[in-house]
C-alpha atoms as a PDB file:
ATOM      1  CA  MET A   1     -15.131   8.490 -15.237  1.00  0.00           C
ATOM      2  CA  GLN A   2     -11.816   7.459 -13.637  1.00  0.00           C
ATOM      3  CA  LYS A   3     -13.674   5.805 -10.753  1.00  0.00           C
ATOM      4  CA  ILE A   4     -15.747   3.749 -13.205  1.00  0.00           C
ATOM      5  CA  ILE A   5     -12.624   2.581 -15.023  1.00  0.00           C
ATOM      6  CA  LEU A   6     -10.976   1.695 -11.718  1.00  0.00           C
ATOM      7  CA  VAL A   7     -14.017  -0.319 -10.626  1.00  0.00           C
ATOM      8  CA  ILE A   8     -14.071  -2.169 -13.957  1.00  0.00           C
ATOM      9  CA  LEU A   9     -10.352  -2.985 -13.652  1.00  0.00           C
ATOM     10  CA  VAL A  10     -10.817  -4.305 -10.115  1.00  0.00           C
ATOM     11  CA  VAL A  11     -13.793  -6.459 -11.137  1.00  0.00           C
ATOM     12  CA  VAL A  12     -11.925  -7.873 -14.138  1.00  0.00           C
ATOM     13  CA  SER A  13      -8.878  -8.513 -11.972  1.00  0.00           C
ATOM     14  CA  LEU A  14     -10.950 -10.351  -9.365  1.00  0.00           C
ATOM     15  CA  ALA A  15     -12.715 -12.397 -12.024  1.00  0.00           C
ATOM     16  CA  GLN A  16      -9.342 -13.711 -13.214  1.00  0.00           C
ATOM     17  CA  ALA A  17      -7.946 -14.348  -9.745  1.00  0.00           C
ATOM     18  CA  LYS A  18      -8.096 -17.763  -8.137  1.00  0.00           C
ATOM     19  CA  THR A  19      -7.773 -18.376  -4.445  1.00  0.00           C
ATOM     20  CA  PHE A  20      -7.274 -22.024  -3.629  1.00  0.00           C
ATOM     21  CA  THR A  21      -8.665 -23.638  -0.515  1.00  0.00           C
ATOM     22  CA  ARG A  22      -5.973 -25.537   1.356  1.00  0.00           C
ATOM     23  CA  CYS A  23      -7.220 -28.911   0.099  1.00  0.00           C
ATOM     24  CA  GLY A  24      -7.775 -27.495  -3.381  1.00  0.00           C
ATOM     25  CA  LEU A  25      -4.139 -26.390  -3.378  1.00  0.00           C
ATOM     26  CA  VAL A  26      -2.959 -29.819  -2.219  1.00  0.00           C
ATOM     27  CA  LYS A  27      -4.987 -31.486  -4.970  1.00  0.00           C
ATOM     28  CA  GLU A  28      -3.539 -29.166  -7.623  1.00  0.00           C
ATOM     29  CA  LEU A  29       0.029 -29.537  -6.357  1.00  0.00           C
ATOM     30  CA  ARG A  30      -0.392 -33.322  -6.502  1.00  0.00           C
ATOM     31  CA  ARG A  31      -1.709 -32.992 -10.051  1.00  0.00           C
ATOM     32  CA  GLN A  32       1.362 -30.909 -10.899  1.00  0.00           C
ATOM     33  CA  GLY A  33       3.656 -33.658  -9.600  1.00  0.00           C
ATOM     34  CA  PHE A  34       4.898 -32.120  -6.352  1.00  0.00           C
ATOM     35  CA  PRO A  35       6.279 -34.848  -4.060  1.00  0.00           C
ATOM     36  CA  GLU A  36       4.052 -35.987  -1.223  1.00  0.00           C
ATOM     37  CA  ASP A  37       6.888 -35.994   1.321  1.00  0.00           C
ATOM     38  CA  LYS A  38       7.361 -32.233   0.855  1.00  0.00           C
ATOM     39  CA  MET A  39       3.695 -31.327   0.346  1.00  0.00           C
ATOM     40  CA  ARG A  40       3.218 -29.685   3.756  1.00  0.00           C
ATOM     41  CA  ASN A  41       6.274 -27.492   3.086  1.00  0.00           C
ATOM     42  CA  TRP A  42       4.933 -26.444  -0.325  1.00  0.00           C
ATOM     43  CA  VAL A  43       1.533 -25.629   1.172  1.00  0.00           C
ATOM     44  CA  CYS A  44       3.180 -23.603   3.941  1.00  0.00           C
ATOM     45  CA  LEU A  45       5.302 -21.759   1.377  1.00  0.00           C
ATOM     46  CA  VAL A  46       2.318 -20.886  -0.835  1.00  0.00           C
ATOM     47  CA  GLU A  47       0.156 -19.847   2.114  1.00  0.00           C
ATOM     48  CA  ASN A  48       2.858 -17.490   3.364  1.00  0.00           C
ATOM     49  CA  GLU A  49       3.989 -16.150  -0.013  1.00  0.00           C
ATOM     50  CA  SER A  50       0.672 -15.563  -1.804  1.00  0.00           C
ATOM     51  CA  ARG A  51      -2.146 -16.567   0.562  1.00  0.00           C
ATOM     52  CA  ARG A  52      -2.971 -19.264  -2.045  1.00  0.00           C
ATOM     53  CA  ARG A  53      -3.807 -16.644  -4.703  1.00  0.00           C
ATOM     54  CA  THR A  54      -2.649 -16.918  -8.296  1.00  0.00           C
ATOM     55  CA  ASP A  55      -2.795 -13.208  -9.140  1.00  0.00           C
ATOM     56  CA  ILE A  56      -0.494 -11.730  -6.495  1.00  0.00           C
ATOM     57  CA  THR A  57       2.300  -9.383  -7.544  1.00  0.00           C
ATOM     58  CA  GLY A  58       4.587  -8.516  -4.662  1.00  0.00           C
ATOM     59  CA  LYS A  59       5.805  -5.087  -3.665  1.00  0.00           C
ATOM     60  CA  VAL A  60       9.045  -3.898  -5.200  1.00  0.00           C
ATOM     61  CA  ASN A  61      11.951  -5.534  -3.375  1.00  0.00           C
ATOM     62  CA  LYS A  62      15.025  -3.615  -2.161  1.00  0.00           C
ATOM     63  CA  ASN A  63      16.909  -4.616  -5.324  1.00  0.00           C
ATOM     64  CA  GLY A  64      14.096  -3.345  -7.580  1.00  0.00           C
ATOM     65  CA  SER A  65      12.792  -6.808  -8.450  1.00  0.00           C
ATOM     66  CA  ARG A  66       9.246  -8.141  -7.960  1.00  0.00           C
ATOM     67  CA  ASP A  67       7.675 -11.496  -7.125  1.00  0.00           C
ATOM     68  CA  TYR A  68       4.812 -13.038  -9.104  1.00  0.00           C
ATOM     69  CA  GLY A  69       2.018 -15.525  -8.671  1.00  0.00           C
ATOM     70  CA  LEU A  70       1.173 -18.377  -6.361  1.00  0.00           C
ATOM     71  CA  PHE A  71       4.826 -19.133  -5.565  1.00  0.00           C
ATOM     72  CA  GLN A  72       5.969 -15.486  -5.675  1.00  0.00           C
ATOM     73  CA  ILE A  73       8.655 -16.131  -8.279  1.00  0.00           C
ATOM     74  CA  ASN A  74      11.162 -13.308  -8.643  1.00  0.00           C
ATOM     75  CA  ASP A  75      11.758 -11.488 -11.910  1.00  0.00           C
ATOM     76  CA  LYS A  76      15.456 -10.836 -11.350  1.00  0.00           C
ATOM     77  CA  TYR A  77      16.440 -14.341 -12.461  1.00  0.00           C
ATOM     78  CA  TRP A  78      13.363 -16.411 -13.225  1.00  0.00           C
ATOM     79  CA  CYS A  79      10.771 -14.593 -15.395  1.00  0.00           C
ATOM     80  CA  SER A  80      10.798 -11.905 -18.055  1.00  0.00           C
ATOM     81  CA  ASN A  81       8.891  -8.637 -17.656  1.00  0.00           C
ATOM     82  CA  THR A  82       8.522  -8.362 -21.424  1.00  0.00           C
ATOM     83  CA  SER A  83       6.091 -10.081 -23.766  1.00  0.00           C
ATOM     84  CA  THR A  84       8.828 -12.576 -24.672  1.00  0.00           C
ATOM     85  CA  PRO A  85       9.410 -15.550 -22.369  1.00  0.00           C
ATOM     86  CA  GLY A  86      12.876 -15.551 -20.891  1.00  0.00           C
ATOM     87  CA  LYS A  87      15.287 -15.830 -17.987  1.00  0.00           C
ATOM     88  CA  ASP A  88      15.896 -19.166 -16.251  1.00  0.00           C
ATOM     89  CA  CYS A  89      12.292 -20.407 -16.351  1.00  0.00           C
ATOM     90  CA  ASN A  90      11.717 -19.211 -19.936  1.00  0.00           C
ATOM     91  CA  VAL A  91       8.379 -17.587 -19.032  1.00  0.00           C
ATOM     92  CA  THR A  92       6.953 -14.108 -18.826  1.00  0.00           C
ATOM     93  CA  CYS A  93       6.064 -12.912 -15.350  1.00  0.00           C
ATOM     94  CA  SER A  94       2.452 -12.493 -16.479  1.00  0.00           C
ATOM     95  CA  GLN A  95       2.336 -16.237 -17.271  1.00  0.00           C
ATOM     96  CA  LEU A  96       2.915 -16.818 -13.545  1.00  0.00           C
ATOM     97  CA  LEU A  97      -0.262 -14.916 -12.656  1.00  0.00           C
ATOM     98  CA  THR A  98      -2.765 -17.205 -14.362  1.00  0.00           C
ATOM     99  CA  ASP A  99      -5.122 -19.717 -12.789  1.00  0.00           C
ATOM    100  CA  ASP A 100      -3.373 -22.490 -14.739  1.00  0.00           C
ATOM    101  CA  ILE A 101      -0.356 -22.963 -12.492  1.00  0.00           C
ATOM    102  CA  THR A 102       1.482 -25.383 -14.794  1.00  0.00           C
ATOM    103  CA  LYS A 103       4.241 -22.927 -15.789  1.00  0.00           C
ATOM    104  CA  ALA A 104       4.513 -21.507 -12.279  1.00  0.00           C
ATOM    105  CA  SER A 105       4.808 -25.035 -10.876  1.00  0.00           C
ATOM    106  CA  LYS A 106       7.515 -26.010 -13.331  1.00  0.00           C
ATOM    107  CA  CYS A 107       9.440 -22.858 -12.475  1.00  0.00           C
ATOM    108  CA  ALA A 108       9.001 -23.345  -8.701  1.00  0.00           C
ATOM    109  CA  LYS A 109      10.356 -26.897  -9.011  1.00  0.00           C
ATOM    110  CA  LYS A 110      13.362 -25.583 -10.940  1.00  0.00           C
ATOM    111  CA  ILE A 111      14.047 -22.992  -8.228  1.00  0.00           C
ATOM    112  CA  PHE A 112      13.675 -25.675  -5.547  1.00  0.00           C
ATOM    113  CA  LYS A 113      16.059 -28.011  -7.366  1.00  0.00           C
ATOM    114  CA  ARG A 114      18.739 -25.297  -7.332  1.00  0.00           C
ATOM    115  CA  HIS A 115      18.154 -23.632  -3.970  1.00  0.00           C
ATOM    116  CA  GLY A 116      15.673 -25.656  -1.918  1.00  0.00           C
ATOM    117  CA  PHE A 117      12.996 -23.948   0.142  1.00  0.00           C
ATOM    118  CA  MET A 118      15.557 -21.391   1.347  1.00  0.00           C
ATOM    119  CA  ALA A 119      14.927 -19.489  -1.915  1.00  0.00           C
ATOM    120  CA  TRP A 120      11.645 -18.224  -0.419  1.00  0.00           C
ATOM    121  CA  TYR A 121      11.581 -15.841   2.552  1.00  0.00           C
ATOM    122  CA  GLY A 122       7.976 -16.821   3.284  1.00  0.00           C
ATOM    123  CA  TRP A 123       9.150 -20.383   3.896  1.00  0.00           C
ATOM    124  CA  ARG A 124      12.265 -19.319   5.811  1.00  0.00           C
ATOM    125  CA  ASN A 125      10.356 -17.016   8.149  1.00  0.00           C
ATOM    126  CA  HIS A 126       7.150 -19.002   8.683  1.00  0.00           C
ATOM    127  CA  CYS A 127       7.801 -22.674   7.910  1.00  0.00           C
ATOM    128  CA  ASP A 128      11.431 -23.596   8.583  1.00  0.00           C
ATOM    129  CA  GLY A 129      11.510 -25.435  11.913  1.00  0.00           C
ATOM    130  CA  LYS A 130       7.905 -24.463  12.650  1.00  0.00           C
ATOM    131  CA  PRO A 131       4.673 -26.483  12.667  1.00  0.00           C
ATOM    132  CA  LEU A 132       3.558 -27.113   9.093  1.00  0.00           C
ATOM    133  CA  PRO A 133      -0.070 -26.980   7.880  1.00  0.00           C
ATOM    134  CA  ASP A 134      -2.271 -29.988   8.558  1.00  0.00           C
ATOM    135  CA  ILE A 135      -3.259 -31.532   5.241  1.00  0.00           C
ATOM    136  CA  SER A 136      -4.334 -34.905   6.633  1.00  0.00           C
ATOM    137  CA  SER A 137      -7.951 -34.373   5.547  1.00  0.00           C
ATOM    138  CA  CYS A 138      -6.894 -33.566   1.997  1.00  0.00           C
END
C-alpha cells in the first residue's frame, strides 16, 4: 500500500513539474520582463540552480534554510514556509514551485536589485567569469 501511495505522489509531482527548454526559458524570462542585456546570465543561473525546473526544492543548507523553485529562492529571508505569504518577497515558498513563474520572477528581480547575481551560488560557481549559454537561436 505504501508503495502505491509513493508512486501516486511521484506521478502527481511530475505532472505539476515544468522543465523549460533553454529557448522556452528565454521566451518566458522575456515575457516576465527580464532585461535582454543580462539574459544569458539569468539563463546560466537558472540552469545551474534548478536545471530549468519549476518544482525543485533544494537540500537543507548549513543554516537550516532551503531554496525553492526555478531560481532557488531561499526561505531564510525571501519566502514564508507557512500558508501565509511573507518575508521580503511576500510569498509562500510553495508559490515559488508552480509552473506560473510570475511570483518567482518578481522575487528573483528583487533579490537581484539588492544583491546582484552574487546572491546565487550557482551563478557564482558556474557563470561568473565563465562562458555563458548561447541563446542566439532563441
